[in-house]
Amino acid sequence: MLSFEIEAGFRPVHRQRAAQGYWRAFSRKLRYPLGPEGKAVDFISRVIDPEHAISAVSHDGDFLGVAGFKSPEGAFIDGGLRDLVATYGWIGAAFRALLISTLERDCEPDSLLMDGIFVEPHARGKGVGKALLKAIETQAVLMGLRKVRLDVIDTNPRARALYEREGFVATSVLPLGPLGPVFGFARATRMTKPVGI
């Protein structure tokens, strides 16, 4: 059995691993807005905010995964146009900012918005994802919020099954429309779970 701890944020030494893992987990969706891979990982590494993250680390210090969240104060992936320009130049940044804006999700006053979760391949199936989800729920309670909200894309049934097992319920389906082929999915299901009740 894998022995690990859940930590607020992520260790500075794990920044690059977190960026690479995020890209690996979401590259199909982000290949056009953030690709190619080298530039995407550079951008993600530049903008990920440990204040909006919870990580899993083995007892020997190995990075196992992270769950990010968004609040009115910021987000796990918290870059702006200046960060895009630093990685992609002005023309590339303008194009990418337009695409990224179509994926933006607003925070609701009483909800913590989960902003991405992934587990490193060697740690999957060992309870890390479940522990990260529980930590997100605890974070919501600590912030005085009443529910956790997330969106899961139609091409990720494994993640949706985990969320359903953990008590998340689908509340709506958001079609992507003509941009579906660009992002690699046709729709996202919004799911919520009450916490602290």
Protein backbone atom coordinates (compact mmCIF):
# COMPACT_ATOMS: atom_id res chain seq x y z
CA MET A 1 0.00 0.00 0.00
CA LEU A 2 1.23 3.49 -0.88
CA SER A 3 1.87 5.70 2.12
CA PHE A 4 1.37 9.41 1.47
CA GLU A 5 0.41 12.73 3.00
CA ILE A 6 -1.86 15.52 1.80
CA GLU A 7 -0.27 18.98 1.97
CA ALA A 8 -1.57 22.50 1.46
CA GLY A 9 0.00 23.96 -1.67
CA PHE A 10 2.90 22.19 -3.30
CA ARG A 11 6.58 22.15 -2.48
CA PRO A 12 8.77 24.51 -4.53
CA VAL A 13 10.81 21.52 -5.69
CA HIS A 14 7.60 20.03 -7.14
CA ARG A 15 6.60 23.05 -9.28
CA GLN A 16 7.94 21.55 -12.52
CA ARG A 17 6.43 18.12 -11.77
CA ALA A 18 3.07 19.78 -11.08
CA ALA A 19 3.26 21.68 -14.36
CA GLN A 20 4.21 18.57 -16.33
CA GLY A 21 1.48 16.52 -14.67
CA TYR A 22 -1.15 19.16 -15.35
CA TRP A 23 -0.15 19.25 -19.00
CA ARG A 24 -0.18 15.48 -19.24
CA ALA A 25 -3.66 15.34 -17.68
CA PHE A 26 -5.19 18.12 -19.74
CA SER A 27 -3.10 18.25 -22.94
CA ARG A 28 -5.89 16.93 -25.13
CA LYS A 29 -8.11 19.81 -24.08
CA LEU A 30 -5.33 22.42 -24.04
CA ARG A 31 -3.23 21.39 -27.05
CA TYR A 32 -4.35 24.33 -29.19
CA PRO A 33 -4.60 27.02 -26.51
CA LEU A 34 -1.27 26.16 -24.85
CA GLY A 35 0.73 23.78 -27.07
CA PRO A 36 3.32 22.81 -28.07
CA GLU A 37 4.28 20.83 -24.97
CA GLY A 38 7.52 22.64 -24.09
CA LYS A 39 5.90 26.06 -24.19
CA ALA A 40 2.79 24.79 -22.41
CA VAL A 41 4.79 23.36 -19.50
CA ASP A 42 6.82 26.59 -19.32
CA PHE A 43 3.63 28.66 -19.16
CA ILE A 44 1.92 26.40 -16.60
CA SER A 45 5.04 26.35 -14.42
CA ARG A 46 5.11 30.15 -14.56
CA VAL A 47 1.48 30.63 -13.47
CA ILE A 48 0.49 27.80 -11.11
CA ASP A 49 -0.34 29.19 -7.69
CA PRO A 50 0.44 27.01 -4.66
CA GLU A 51 -2.03 29.09 -2.61
CA HIS A 52 -4.79 27.45 -4.68
CA ALA A 53 -3.48 23.88 -4.61
CA ILE A 54 -3.45 20.78 -2.47
CA SER A 55 -0.86 18.11 -3.19
CA ALA A 56 -0.19 14.50 -2.34
CA VAL A 57 3.37 13.52 -1.43
CA SER A 58 4.73 10.11 -0.50
CA HIS A 59 6.50 9.72 2.84
CA ASP A 60 9.83 9.69 1.00
CA GLY A 61 9.03 13.03 -0.68
CA ASP A 62 7.85 11.86 -4.10
CA PHE A 63 5.24 14.08 -5.77
CA LEU A 64 2.07 12.05 -6.40
CA GLY A 65 -0.53 14.53 -7.62
CA VAL A 66 -2.37 17.77 -7.08
CA ALA A 67 -5.85 19.23 -6.90
CA GLY A 68 -6.25 22.88 -7.79
CA PHE A 69 -9.10 25.20 -6.95
CA LYS A 70 -10.43 28.58 -7.93
CA SER A 71 -11.75 31.24 -5.58
CA PRO A 72 -12.55 34.95 -5.90
CA GLU A 73 -8.96 35.58 -4.76
CA GLY A 74 -7.32 33.58 -7.55
CA ALA A 75 -6.94 30.22 -9.22
CA PHE A 76 -4.57 27.29 -9.51
CA ILE A 77 -3.78 28.29 -13.11
CA ASP A 78 -3.69 32.02 -12.55
CA GLY A 79 -1.91 33.55 -15.52
CA GLY A 80 -2.90 36.55 -17.55
CA LEU A 81 -2.03 38.10 -20.87
CA ARG A 82 1.41 39.21 -19.67
CA ASP A 83 2.28 35.58 -18.81
CA LEU A 84 1.03 34.38 -22.20
CA VAL A 85 3.12 37.03 -23.95
CA ALA A 86 6.23 36.00 -22.00
CA THR A 87 5.88 32.45 -23.31
CA TYR A 88 4.26 32.82 -26.75
CA GLY A 89 4.91 36.41 -27.91
CA TRP A 90 2.17 38.95 -28.67
CA ILE A 91 0.59 37.23 -31.65
CA GLY A 92 0.58 33.78 -30.09
CA ALA A 93 -0.69 35.23 -26.80
CA ALA A 94 -3.65 37.01 -28.41
CA PHE A 95 -4.78 33.84 -30.20
CA ARG A 96 -4.37 31.72 -27.10
CA ALA A 97 -6.11 34.22 -24.80
CA LEU A 98 -9.16 34.09 -27.05
CA LEU A 99 -9.29 30.28 -26.93
CA ILE A 100 -8.66 30.12 -23.18
CA SER A 101 -11.46 32.61 -22.50
CA THR A 102 -14.00 30.12 -23.88
CA LEU A 103 -13.02 27.67 -21.10
CA GLU A 104 -13.24 30.17 -18.23
CA ARG A 105 -15.64 29.29 -15.40
CA ASP A 106 -16.93 31.74 -12.83
CA CYS A 107 -16.96 31.10 -9.11
CA GLU A 108 -20.35 31.01 -7.43
CA PRO A 109 -20.61 32.77 -4.06
CA ASP A 110 -21.19 29.62 -2.00
CA SER A 111 -18.99 27.18 -3.97
CA LEU A 112 -15.38 26.15 -4.23
CA LEU A 113 -14.59 25.49 -7.88
CA MET A 114 -12.18 22.63 -8.42
CA ASP A 115 -9.70 23.78 -11.05
CA GLY A 116 -8.08 20.51 -12.13
CA ILE A 117 -6.99 17.33 -10.40
CA PHE A 118 -4.49 14.70 -11.46
CA VAL A 119 -2.53 11.82 -10.05
CA GLU A 120 0.86 10.75 -11.36
CA PRO A 121 0.65 7.51 -13.40
CA HIS A 122 2.64 5.41 -10.90
CA ALA A 123 0.31 6.46 -8.04
CA ARG A 124 -3.07 5.81 -9.68
CA GLY A 125 -5.48 3.33 -8.14
CA LYS A 126 -3.96 3.77 -4.68
CA GLY A 127 -6.43 6.22 -3.13
CA VAL A 128 -4.53 9.41 -3.97
CA GLY A 129 -7.29 10.91 -6.11
CA LYS A 130 -9.92 10.16 -3.49
CA ALA A 131 -7.75 11.74 -0.78
CA LEU A 132 -7.23 14.87 -2.89
CA LEU A 133 -10.98 15.16 -3.45
CA LYS A 134 -11.60 14.88 0.30
CA ALA A 135 -8.98 17.58 0.89
CA ILE A 136 -10.76 19.87 -1.59
CA GLU A 137 -13.99 19.33 0.36
CA THR A 138 -12.20 20.18 3.61
CA GLN A 139 -10.77 23.32 1.99
CA ALA A 140 -14.28 24.42 1.01
CA VAL A 141 -15.47 23.95 4.61
CA LEU A 142 -12.49 25.92 5.94
CA MET A 143 -13.39 28.75 3.57
CA GLY A 144 -16.98 28.75 4.87
CA LEU A 145 -18.44 27.50 1.58
CA ARG A 146 -21.40 25.16 1.18
CA LYS A 147 -20.46 23.05 -1.83
CA VAL A 148 -17.72 21.95 -4.19
CA ARG A 149 -18.31 22.33 -7.92
CA LEU A 150 -16.40 20.78 -10.79
CA ASP A 151 -16.79 20.18 -14.51
CA VAL A 152 -15.89 16.84 -16.08
CA ILE A 153 -15.59 16.40 -19.84
CA ASP A 154 -17.41 13.69 -21.75
CA THR A 155 -14.17 12.01 -22.80
CA ASN A 156 -13.16 11.28 -19.19
CA PRO A 157 -15.63 8.67 -17.87
CA ARG A 158 -13.11 7.36 -15.33
CA ALA A 159 -12.97 10.72 -13.56
CA ARG A 160 -16.74 11.09 -13.65
CA ALA A 161 -17.16 7.64 -12.10
CA LEU A 162 -14.82 8.65 -9.25
CA TYR A 163 -16.75 11.86 -8.65
CA GLU A 164 -20.05 9.99 -8.59
CA ARG A 165 -18.67 7.43 -6.11
CA GLU A 166 -17.60 10.33 -3.90
CA GLY A 167 -21.08 11.86 -3.85
CA PHE A 168 -20.94 14.43 -6.64
CA VAL A 169 -24.17 14.83 -8.59
CA ALA A 170 -24.58 16.12 -12.15
CA THR A 171 -26.50 19.40 -12.23
CA SER A 172 -26.18 20.48 -15.86
CA VAL A 173 -24.49 19.72 -19.17
CA LEU A 174 -22.57 22.44 -20.98
CA PRO A 175 -22.16 21.84 -24.73
CA LEU A 176 -19.00 23.27 -26.28
CA GLY A 177 -20.61 23.73 -29.69
CA PRO A 178 -18.45 24.27 -32.77
CA LEU A 179 -15.25 24.50 -30.69
CA GLY A 180 -15.58 20.87 -29.62
CA PRO A 181 -13.02 19.58 -32.15
CA VAL A 182 -10.53 22.25 -31.05
CA PHE A 183 -10.66 21.14 -27.41
CA GLY A 184 -11.24 17.42 -27.98
CA PHE A 185 -14.57 17.13 -26.18
CA ALA A 186 -18.19 17.94 -27.04
CA ARG A 187 -19.64 18.69 -23.62
CA ALA A 188 -18.82 19.05 -19.96
CA THR A 189 -21.01 17.95 -17.08
CA ARG A 190 -21.19 20.28 -14.11
CA MET A 191 -21.24 18.35 -10.84
CA THR A 192 -21.66 19.53 -7.26
CA LYS A 193 -21.44 18.13 -3.76
CA PRO A 194 -22.69 19.77 -0.56
CA VAL A 195 -20.06 20.03 2.19
CA GLY A 196 -20.00 20.97 5.84
CA ILE A 197 -23.63 20.07 6.41
